[in-house]
PDB file of N, CA and C in Angstrom:
ATOM      1  N   MET A   1       0.893  -1.184   0.054  1.00  0.00           N
ATOM      2  CA  MET A   1       0.065  -0.083  -0.002  1.00  0.00           C
ATOM      3  C   MET A   1       0.714   1.308   0.021  1.00  0.00           C
ATOM      4  N   ALA A   2       0.499   2.216  -0.767  1.00  0.00           N
ATOM      5  CA  ALA A   2       1.281   3.354  -0.902  1.00  0.00           C
ATOM      6  C   ALA A   2       1.592   4.179   0.355  1.00  0.00           C
ATOM      7  N   ARG A   3       0.461   4.330   1.158  1.00  0.00           N
ATOM      8  CA  ARG A   3       0.631   5.020   2.355  1.00  0.00           C
ATOM      9  C   ARG A   3       1.721   4.512   3.237  1.00  0.00           C
ATOM     10  N   TYR A   4       1.528   3.095   3.390  1.00  0.00           N
ATOM     11  CA  TYR A   4       2.310   2.369   4.324  1.00  0.00           C
ATOM     12  C   TYR A   4       3.841   2.555   3.723  1.00  0.00           C
ATOM     13  N   ARG A   5       3.992   2.491   2.490  1.00  0.00           N
ATOM     14  CA  ARG A   5       5.462   2.671   2.036  1.00  0.00           C
ATOM     15  C   ARG A   5       5.944   4.123   2.107  1.00  0.00           C
ATOM     16  N   LEU A   6       5.102   4.993   2.114  1.00  0.00           N
ATOM     17  CA  LEU A   6       5.568   6.335   2.408  1.00  0.00           C
ATOM     18  C   LEU A   6       5.927   6.492   3.775  1.00  0.00           C
ATOM     19  N   ILE A   7       5.199   6.018   4.695  1.00  0.00           N
ATOM     20  CA  ILE A   7       5.406   6.031   6.094  1.00  0.00           C
ATOM     21  C   ILE A   7       6.847   5.365   6.376  1.00  0.00           C
ATOM     22  N   ASP A   8       7.206   4.154   5.744  1.00  0.00           N
ATOM     23  CA  ASP A   8       8.322   3.567   6.004  1.00  0.00           C
ATOM     24  C   ASP A   8       9.582   4.272   5.452  1.00  0.00           C
ATOM     25  N   GLU A   9       9.389   4.926   4.316  1.00  0.00           N
ATOM     26  CA  GLU A   9      10.440   5.682   3.607  1.00  0.00           C
ATOM     27  C   GLU A   9      10.806   7.045   4.466  1.00  0.00           C
ATOM     28  N   HIS A  10       9.824   7.477   5.309  1.00  0.00           N
ATOM     29  CA  HIS A  10      10.107   9.003   5.872  1.00  0.00           C
ATOM     30  C   HIS A  10      10.050   8.785   7.428  1.00  0.00           C
ATOM     31  N   ARG A  11      10.334   7.601   7.946  1.00  0.00           N
ATOM     32  CA  ARG A  11      10.057   7.316   9.423  1.00  0.00           C
ATOM     33  C   ARG A  11      11.205   8.091  10.182  1.00  0.00           C
ATOM     34  N   THR A  12      12.371   8.455   9.636  1.00  0.00           N
ATOM     35  CA  THR A  12      13.355   9.106  10.475  1.00  0.00           C
ATOM     36  C   THR A  12      12.943  10.597  10.657  1.00  0.00           C
ATOM     37  N   PRO A  13      12.647  11.356   9.714  1.00  0.00           N
ATOM     38  CA  PRO A  13      12.196  12.713   9.929  1.00  0.00           C
ATOM     39  C   PRO A  13      10.928  12.843  10.849  1.00  0.00           C
ATOM     40  N   TRP A  14       9.920  12.066  10.819  1.00  0.00           N
ATOM     41  CA  TRP A  14       8.704  12.144  11.591  1.00  0.00           C
ATOM     42  C   TRP A  14       8.469  10.799  12.194  1.00  0.00           C
ATOM     43  N   SER A  15       7.551  10.786  13.246  1.00  0.00           N
ATOM     44  CA  SER A  15       7.278   9.679  13.978  1.00  0.00           C
ATOM     45  C   SER A  15       6.192   8.953  13.297  1.00  0.00           C
ATOM     46  N   ILE A  16       6.315   7.515  13.425  1.00  0.00           N
ATOM     47  CA  ILE A  16       5.313   6.657  12.922  1.00  0.00           C
ATOM     48  C   ILE A  16       3.830   7.103  13.296  1.00  0.00           C
ATOM     49  N   LYS A  17       3.748   7.301  14.589  1.00  0.00           N
ATOM     50  CA  LYS A  17       2.436   7.713  15.086  1.00  0.00           C
ATOM     51  C   LYS A  17       1.835   8.907  14.432  1.00  0.00           C
ATOM     52  N   GLU A  18       2.696   9.924  14.138  1.00  0.00           N
ATOM     53  CA  GLU A  18       2.263  11.211  13.626  1.00  0.00           C
ATOM     54  C   GLU A  18       1.728  10.965  11.963  1.00  0.00           C
ATOM     55  N   MET A  19       2.686  10.216  11.417  1.00  0.00           N
ATOM     56  CA  MET A  19       2.480   9.978   9.961  1.00  0.00           C
ATOM     57  C   MET A  19       1.084   9.079   9.847  1.00  0.00           C
ATOM     58  N   CYS A  20       0.936   8.174  10.655  1.00  0.00           N
ATOM     59  CA  CYS A  20      -0.284   7.316  10.649  1.00  0.00           C
ATOM     60  C   CYS A  20      -1.576   8.191  10.796  1.00  0.00           C
ATOM     61  N   ARG A  21      -1.376   9.198  11.747  1.00  0.00           N
ATOM     62  CA  ARG A  21      -2.524   9.962  12.092  1.00  0.00           C
ATOM     63  C   ARG A  21      -2.688  10.922  10.855  1.00  0.00           C
ATOM     64  N   VAL A  22      -1.813  11.507  10.234  1.00  0.00           N
ATOM     65  CA  VAL A  22      -1.949  12.392   9.079  1.00  0.00           C
ATOM     66  C   VAL A  22      -2.539  11.717   7.916  1.00  0.00           C
ATOM     67  N   LEU A  23      -1.971  10.557   7.701  1.00  0.00           N
ATOM     68  CA  LEU A  23      -2.333   9.748   6.433  1.00  0.00           C
ATOM     69  C   LEU A  23      -3.617   8.907   6.676  1.00  0.00           C
ATOM     70  N   GLU A  24      -4.258   8.938   7.946  1.00  0.00           N
ATOM     71  CA  GLU A  24      -5.403   8.252   8.388  1.00  0.00           C
ATOM     72  C   GLU A  24      -5.264   6.777   8.214  1.00  0.00           C
ATOM     73  N   VAL A  25      -4.305   6.105   8.584  1.00  0.00           N
ATOM     74  CA  VAL A  25      -4.118   4.742   8.715  1.00  0.00           C
ATOM     75  C   VAL A  25      -3.646   4.310  10.227  1.00  0.00           C
ATOM     76  N   SER A  26      -4.063   3.040  10.578  1.00  0.00           N
ATOM     77  CA  SER A  26      -3.830   2.694  11.662  1.00  0.00           C
ATOM     78  C   SER A  26      -2.288   2.162  11.923  1.00  0.00           C
ATOM     79  N   ARG A  27      -1.738   2.301  13.132  1.00  0.00           N
ATOM     80  CA  ARG A  27      -0.306   1.909  13.436  1.00  0.00           C
ATOM     81  C   ARG A  27      -0.339   0.500  13.215  1.00  0.00           C
ATOM     82  N   SER A  28      -1.366  -0.273  13.736  1.00  0.00           N
ATOM     83  CA  SER A  28      -1.422  -1.851  13.592  1.00  0.00           C
ATOM     84  C   SER A  28      -1.473  -2.100  12.213  1.00  0.00           C
ATOM     85  N   GLY A  29      -2.197  -1.404  11.318  1.00  0.00           N
ATOM     86  CA  GLY A  29      -2.032  -1.762   9.903  1.00  0.00           C
ATOM     87  C   GLY A  29      -0.694  -1.614   9.296  1.00  0.00           C
ATOM     88  N   PHE A  30       0.171  -0.540   9.702  1.00  0.00           N
ATOM     89  CA  PHE A  30       1.295  -0.208   9.182  1.00  0.00           C
ATOM     90  C   PHE A  30       2.229  -1.466   9.546  1.00  0.00           C
ATOM     91  N   TYR A  31       2.203  -1.755  10.895  1.00  0.00           N
ATOM     92  CA  TYR A  31       3.187  -2.856  11.482  1.00  0.00           C
ATOM     93  C   TYR A  31       2.913  -4.233  10.811  1.00  0.00           C
ATOM     94  N   ALA A  32       1.385  -4.473  10.567  1.00  0.00           N
ATOM     95  CA  ALA A  32       1.090  -5.763   9.923  1.00  0.00           C
ATOM     96  C   ALA A  32       1.688  -5.722   8.358  1.00  0.00           C
ATOM     97  N   TRP A  33       1.663  -4.572   7.736  1.00  0.00           N
ATOM     98  CA  TRP A  33       2.127  -4.382   6.422  1.00  0.00           C
ATOM     99  C   TRP A  33       3.545  -4.709   6.525  1.00  0.00           C
ATOM    100  N   LYS A  34       4.312  -4.034   7.361  1.00  0.00           N
ATOM    101  CA  LYS A  34       5.707  -4.058   7.493  1.00  0.00           C
ATOM    102  C   LYS A  34       6.268  -5.500   7.684  1.00  0.00           C
ATOM    103  N   ASN A  35       5.539  -6.320   8.525  1.00  0.00           N
ATOM    104  CA  ASN A  35       5.922  -7.661   8.951  1.00  0.00           C
ATOM    105  C   ASN A  35       5.512  -8.682   7.874  1.00  0.00           C
ATOM    106  N   ARG A  36       4.607  -8.344   6.928  1.00  0.00           N
ATOM    107  CA  ARG A  36       4.124  -9.259   6.146  1.00  0.00           C
ATOM    108  C   ARG A  36       5.283  -9.857   5.203  1.00  0.00           C
ATOM    109  N   VAL A  37       5.152 -11.240   4.923  1.00  0.00           N
ATOM    110  CA  VAL A  37       6.254 -11.636   4.055  1.00  0.00           C
ATOM    111  C   VAL A  37       5.778 -11.563   2.575  1.00  0.00           C
ATOM    112  N   GLU A  38       6.786 -11.139   1.759  1.00  0.00           N
ATOM    113  CA  GLU A  38       6.592 -10.695   0.359  1.00  0.00           C
ATOM    114  C   GLU A  38       6.004 -12.081  -0.521  1.00  0.00           C
ATOM    115  N   SER A  39       4.956 -11.756  -1.261  1.00  0.00           N
ATOM    116  CA  SER A  39       4.340 -12.949  -1.998  1.00  0.00           C
ATOM    117  C   SER A  39       5.271 -13.370  -3.135  1.00  0.00           C
ATOM    118  N   THR A  40       5.078 -14.642  -3.400  1.00  0.00           N
ATOM    119  CA  THR A  40       5.883 -15.160  -4.623  1.00  0.00           C
ATOM    120  C   THR A  40       5.734 -14.294  -5.866  1.00  0.00           C
ATOM    121  N   ARG A  41       4.517 -13.925  -6.101  1.00  0.00           N
ATOM    122  CA  ARG A  41       4.196 -13.112  -7.470  1.00  0.00           C
ATOM    123  C   ARG A  41       4.817 -11.743  -7.390  1.00  0.00           C
ATOM    124  N   SER A  42       4.954 -11.067  -6.159  1.00  0.00           N
ATOM    125  CA  SER A  42       5.704  -9.918  -5.953  1.00  0.00           C
ATOM    126  C   SER A  42       7.086 -10.050  -6.116  1.00  0.00           C
ATOM    127  N   LEU A  43       7.784 -11.130  -5.710  1.00  0.00           N
ATOM    128  CA  LEU A  43       9.224 -11.356  -5.822  1.00  0.00           C
ATOM    129  C   LEU A  43       9.522 -11.624  -7.258  1.00  0.00           C
ATOM    130  N   GLU A  44       8.597 -12.432  -7.968  1.00  0.00           N
ATOM    131  CA  GLU A  44       8.883 -12.657  -9.414  1.00  0.00           C
ATOM    132  C   GLU A  44       8.731 -11.375 -10.279  1.00  0.00           C
ATOM    133  N   THR A  45       7.746 -10.569  -9.932  1.00  0.00           N
ATOM    134  CA  THR A  45       7.518  -9.302 -10.622  1.00  0.00           C
ATOM    135  C   THR A  45       8.902  -8.406 -10.334  1.00  0.00           C
ATOM    136  N   ARG A  46       9.406  -8.384  -9.158  1.00  0.00           N
ATOM    137  CA  ARG A  46      10.685  -7.547  -9.020  1.00  0.00           C
ATOM    138  C   ARG A  46      11.792  -8.084  -9.855  1.00  0.00           C
ATOM    139  N   ARG A  47      11.976  -9.436  -9.839  1.00  0.00           N
ATOM    140  CA  ARG A  47      13.033 -10.186 -10.531  1.00  0.00           C
ATOM    141  C   ARG A  47      12.981  -9.919 -12.007  1.00  0.00           C
ATOM    142  N   LEU A  48      11.716  -9.854 -12.549  1.00  0.00           N
ATOM    143  CA  LEU A  48      11.405  -9.700 -13.974  1.00  0.00           C
ATOM    144  C   LEU A  48      11.786  -8.158 -14.280  1.00  0.00           C
ATOM    145  N   ASP A  49      11.395  -7.325 -13.383  1.00  0.00           N
ATOM    146  CA  ASP A  49      11.657  -5.815 -13.518  1.00  0.00           C
ATOM    147  C   ASP A  49      13.129  -5.473 -13.771  1.00  0.00           C
ATOM    148  N   VAL A  50      13.895  -6.269 -12.897  1.00  0.00           N
ATOM    149  CA  VAL A  50      15.314  -6.069 -12.878  1.00  0.00           C
ATOM    150  C   VAL A  50      15.873  -6.603 -14.265  1.00  0.00           C
ATOM    151  N   ALA A  51      15.364  -7.694 -14.716  1.00  0.00           N
ATOM    152  CA  ALA A  51      15.923  -8.464 -15.830  1.00  0.00           C
ATOM    153  C   ALA A  51      15.598  -7.409 -17.228  1.00  0.00           C
ATOM    154  N   ILE A  52      14.230  -6.983 -17.126  1.00  0.00           N
ATOM    155  CA  ILE A  52      13.950  -6.160 -18.212  1.00  0.00           C
ATOM    156  C   ILE A  52      14.619  -4.918 -18.402  1.00  0.00           C
ATOM    157  N   GLU A  53      14.912  -4.235 -17.059  1.00  0.00           N
ATOM    158  CA  GLU A  53      15.825  -3.038 -17.079  1.00  0.00           C
ATOM    159  C   GLU A  53      17.151  -3.358 -17.677  1.00  0.00           C
ATOM    160  N   ARG A  54      17.822  -4.450 -17.223  1.00  0.00           N
ATOM    161  CA  ARG A  54      19.141  -4.976 -17.829  1.00  0.00           C
ATOM    162  C   ARG A  54      18.995  -4.946 -19.127  1.00  0.00           C
ATOM    163  N   ILE A  55      18.193  -5.729 -19.740  1.00  0.00           N
ATOM    164  CA  ILE A  55      18.078  -6.071 -21.257  1.00  0.00           C
ATOM    165  C   ILE A  55      17.932  -4.722 -21.902  1.00  0.00           C
ATOM    166  N   TYR A  56      16.999  -3.760 -21.361  1.00  0.00           N
ATOM    167  CA  TYR A  56      16.892  -2.485 -22.006  1.00  0.00           C
ATOM    168  C   TYR A  56      17.964  -1.671 -22.114  1.00  0.00           C
ATOM    169  N   GLN A  57      18.773  -1.721 -21.008  1.00  0.00           N
ATOM    170  CA  GLN A  57      20.134  -0.912 -21.000  1.00  0.00           C
ATOM    171  C   GLN A  57      21.070  -1.565 -21.932  1.00  0.00           C
ATOM    172  N   THR A  58      21.247  -2.735 -21.883  1.00  0.00           N
ATOM    173  CA  THR A  58      22.195  -3.338 -22.788  1.00  0.00           C
ATOM    174  C   THR A  58      21.926  -3.423 -24.238  1.00  0.00           C
ATOM    175  N   SER A  59      20.598  -3.068 -24.514  1.00  0.00           N
ATOM    176  CA  SER A  59      20.128  -3.162 -25.930  1.00  0.00           C
ATOM    177  C   SER A  59      20.050  -1.720 -26.526  1.00  0.00           C
ATOM    178  N   GLU A  60      20.912  -0.753 -25.938  1.00  0.00           N
ATOM    179  CA  GLU A  60      20.963   0.551 -26.239  1.00  0.00           C
ATOM    180  C   GLU A  60      19.703   1.255 -26.273  1.00  0.00           C
ATOM    181  N   LYS A  61      18.876   1.002 -25.192  1.00  0.00           N
ATOM    182  CA  LYS A  61      17.565   1.430 -24.792  1.00  0.00           C
ATOM    183  C   LYS A  61      16.654   1.333 -26.022  1.00  0.00           C
ATOM    184  N   CYS A  62      16.683   0.386 -26.826  1.00  0.00           N
ATOM    185  CA  CYS A  62      15.637   0.087 -27.901  1.00  0.00           C
ATOM    186  C   CYS A  62      14.787  -0.965 -27.529  1.00  0.00           C
ATOM    187  N   SER A  63      13.456  -0.845 -28.064  1.00  0.00           N
ATOM    188  CA  SER A  63      12.641  -1.898 -27.871  1.00  0.00           C
ATOM    189  C   SER A  63      11.913  -2.239 -29.132  1.00  0.00           C
ATOM    190  N   GLY A  64      11.389  -3.530 -29.339  1.00  0.00           N
ATOM    191  CA  GLY A  64      11.015  -3.954 -30.745  1.00  0.00           C
ATOM    192  C   GLY A  64       9.582  -4.703 -30.490  1.00  0.00           C
ATOM    193  N   SER A  65       9.297  -5.568 -31.345  1.00  0.00           N
ATOM    194  CA  SER A  65       8.072  -6.220 -31.388  1.00  0.00           C
ATOM    195  C   SER A  65       7.963  -7.198 -30.123  1.00  0.00           C
ATOM    196  N   LEU A  66       6.838  -7.170 -29.160  1.00  0.00           N
ATOM    197  CA  LEU A  66       6.634  -7.863 -28.190  1.00  0.00           C
ATOM    198  C   LEU A  66       6.958  -9.409 -28.283  1.00  0.00           C
ATOM    199  N   GLN A  67       6.266  -9.879 -29.414  1.00  0.00           N
ATOM    200  CA  GLN A  67       6.383 -11.370 -29.483  1.00  0.00           C
ATOM    201  C   GLN A  67       7.724 -11.856 -29.946  1.00  0.00           C
ATOM    202  N   GLU A  68       8.464 -11.115 -30.857  1.00  0.00           N
ATOM    203  CA  GLU A  68       9.677 -11.612 -31.299  1.00  0.00           C
ATOM    204  C   GLU A  68      10.828 -11.001 -30.441  1.00  0.00           C
ATOM    205  N   GLY A  69      10.806  -9.827 -30.036  1.00  0.00           N
ATOM    206  CA  GLY A  69      11.918  -9.151 -29.364  1.00  0.00           C
ATOM    207  C   GLY A  69      11.955  -9.654 -27.945  1.00  0.00           C
ATOM    208  N   PHE A  70      10.718  -9.843 -27.343  1.00  0.00           N
ATOM    209  CA  PHE A  70      10.810 -10.280 -25.909  1.00  0.00           C
ATOM    210  C   PHE A  70      11.287 -11.611 -25.704  1.00  0.00           C
ATOM    211  N   TYR A  71      10.897 -12.366 -26.561  1.00  0.00           N
ATOM    212  CA  TYR A  71      11.259 -13.714 -26.649  1.00  0.00           C
ATOM    213  C   TYR A  71      12.755 -14.006 -26.834  1.00  0.00           C
ATOM    214  N   LYS A  72      13.280 -13.250 -27.540  1.00  0.00           N
ATOM    215  CA  LYS A  72      14.738 -13.158 -27.897  1.00  0.00           C
ATOM    216  C   LYS A  72      15.547 -12.668 -26.740  1.00  0.00           C
ATOM    217  N   MET A  73      14.978 -11.575 -26.209  1.00  0.00           N
ATOM    218  CA  MET A  73      15.586 -10.939 -24.919  1.00  0.00           C
ATOM    219  C   MET A  73      15.513 -11.981 -23.704  1.00  0.00           C
ATOM    220  N   ASN A  74      14.435 -12.704 -23.495  1.00  0.00           N
ATOM    221  CA  ASN A  74      14.358 -13.695 -22.391  1.00  0.00           C
ATOM    222  C   ASN A  74      15.295 -14.706 -22.540  1.00  0.00           C
ATOM    223  N   ASN A  75      15.547 -15.240 -23.925  1.00  0.00           N
ATOM    224  CA  ASN A  75      16.439 -16.273 -24.016  1.00  0.00           C
ATOM    225  C   ASN A  75      17.821 -15.835 -23.782  1.00  0.00           C
ATOM    226  N   ALA A  76      18.126 -14.731 -24.388  1.00  0.00           N
ATOM    227  CA  ALA A  76      19.546 -14.024 -24.061  1.00  0.00           C
ATOM    228  C   ALA A  76      19.853 -13.838 -22.713  1.00  0.00           C
ATOM    229  N   ALA A  77      18.895 -13.533 -21.805  1.00  0.00           N
ATOM    230  CA  ALA A  77      19.060 -13.325 -20.368  1.00  0.00           C
ATOM    231  C   ALA A  77      18.899 -14.662 -19.664  1.00  0.00           C
ATOM    232  N   GLY A  78      18.678 -15.728 -20.239  1.00  0.00           N
ATOM    233  CA  GLY A  78      18.487 -16.988 -19.522  1.00  0.00           C
ATOM    234  C   GLY A  78      17.255 -17.117 -18.811  1.00  0.00           C
ATOM    235  N   LEU A  79      16.234 -16.344 -19.280  1.00  0.00           N
ATOM    236  CA  LEU A  79      14.954 -16.534 -18.669  1.00  0.00           C
ATOM    237  C   LEU A  79      14.037 -17.421 -19.492  1.00  0.00           C
ATOM    238  N   LEU A  80      13.140 -18.083 -18.931  1.00  0.00           N
ATOM    239  CA  LEU A  80      12.168 -18.948 -19.460  1.00  0.00           C
ATOM    240  C   LEU A  80      11.199 -18.071 -20.137  1.00  0.00           C
ATOM    241  N   PRO A  81      10.654 -18.334 -21.362  1.00  0.00           N
ATOM    242  CA  PRO A  81       9.581 -17.662 -22.080  1.00  0.00           C
ATOM    243  C   PRO A  81       8.368 -17.661 -21.130  1.00  0.00           C
ATOM    244  N   LEU A  82       7.469 -16.705 -21.133  1.00  0.00           N
ATOM    245  CA  LEU A  82       6.360 -16.457 -20.298  1.00  0.00           C
ATOM    246  C   LEU A  82       5.241 -17.517 -20.840  1.00  0.00           C
ATOM    247  N   PRO A  83       4.703 -18.319 -19.881  1.00  0.00           N
ATOM    248  CA  PRO A  83       3.849 -19.438 -20.348  1.00  0.00           C
ATOM    249  C   PRO A  83       2.585 -18.905 -21.057  1.00  0.00           C
ATOM    250  N   HIS A  84       2.172 -17.832 -20.975  1.00  0.00           N
ATOM    251  CA  HIS A  84       0.867 -17.387 -21.618  1.00  0.00           C
ATOM    252  C   HIS A  84       1.126 -16.719 -22.975  1.00  0.00           C
ATOM    253  N   TYR A  85       2.248 -16.597 -23.460  1.00  0.00           N
ATOM    254  CA  TYR A  85       2.395 -16.144 -24.719  1.00  0.00           C
ATOM    255  C   TYR A  85       2.985 -17.347 -25.563  1.00  0.00           C
ATOM    256  N   SER A  86       2.433 -17.420 -26.685  1.00  0.00           N
ATOM    257  CA  SER A  86       2.795 -18.469 -27.659  1.00  0.00           C
ATOM    258  C   SER A  86       3.422 -17.766 -28.817  1.00  0.00           C
ATOM    259  N   PHE A  87       4.697 -18.207 -29.191  1.00  0.00           N
ATOM    260  CA  PHE A  87       5.411 -17.506 -30.182  1.00  0.00           C
ATOM    261  C   PHE A  87       5.654 -18.440 -31.281  1.00  0.00           C
TER     262      PHE A  87
END
């Protein structure tokens, strides 16, 4: 949740209690969010974001056809093709 992330990123200058009050969220909700284990889907999304950014930077910031280019970039990066796309 964006509000919880904002609180977490700015907890040094302001107190958590004060930010929760201003942003109208409960402290217990913030701490529940903070202690929650990251989902498998979220971990996979972050991993793919890093891989896509690396491919984009190494390809001189060019992108091409999704079906052909993404497949080739995935193979070049050692990633498996996404199962819901057929090439």
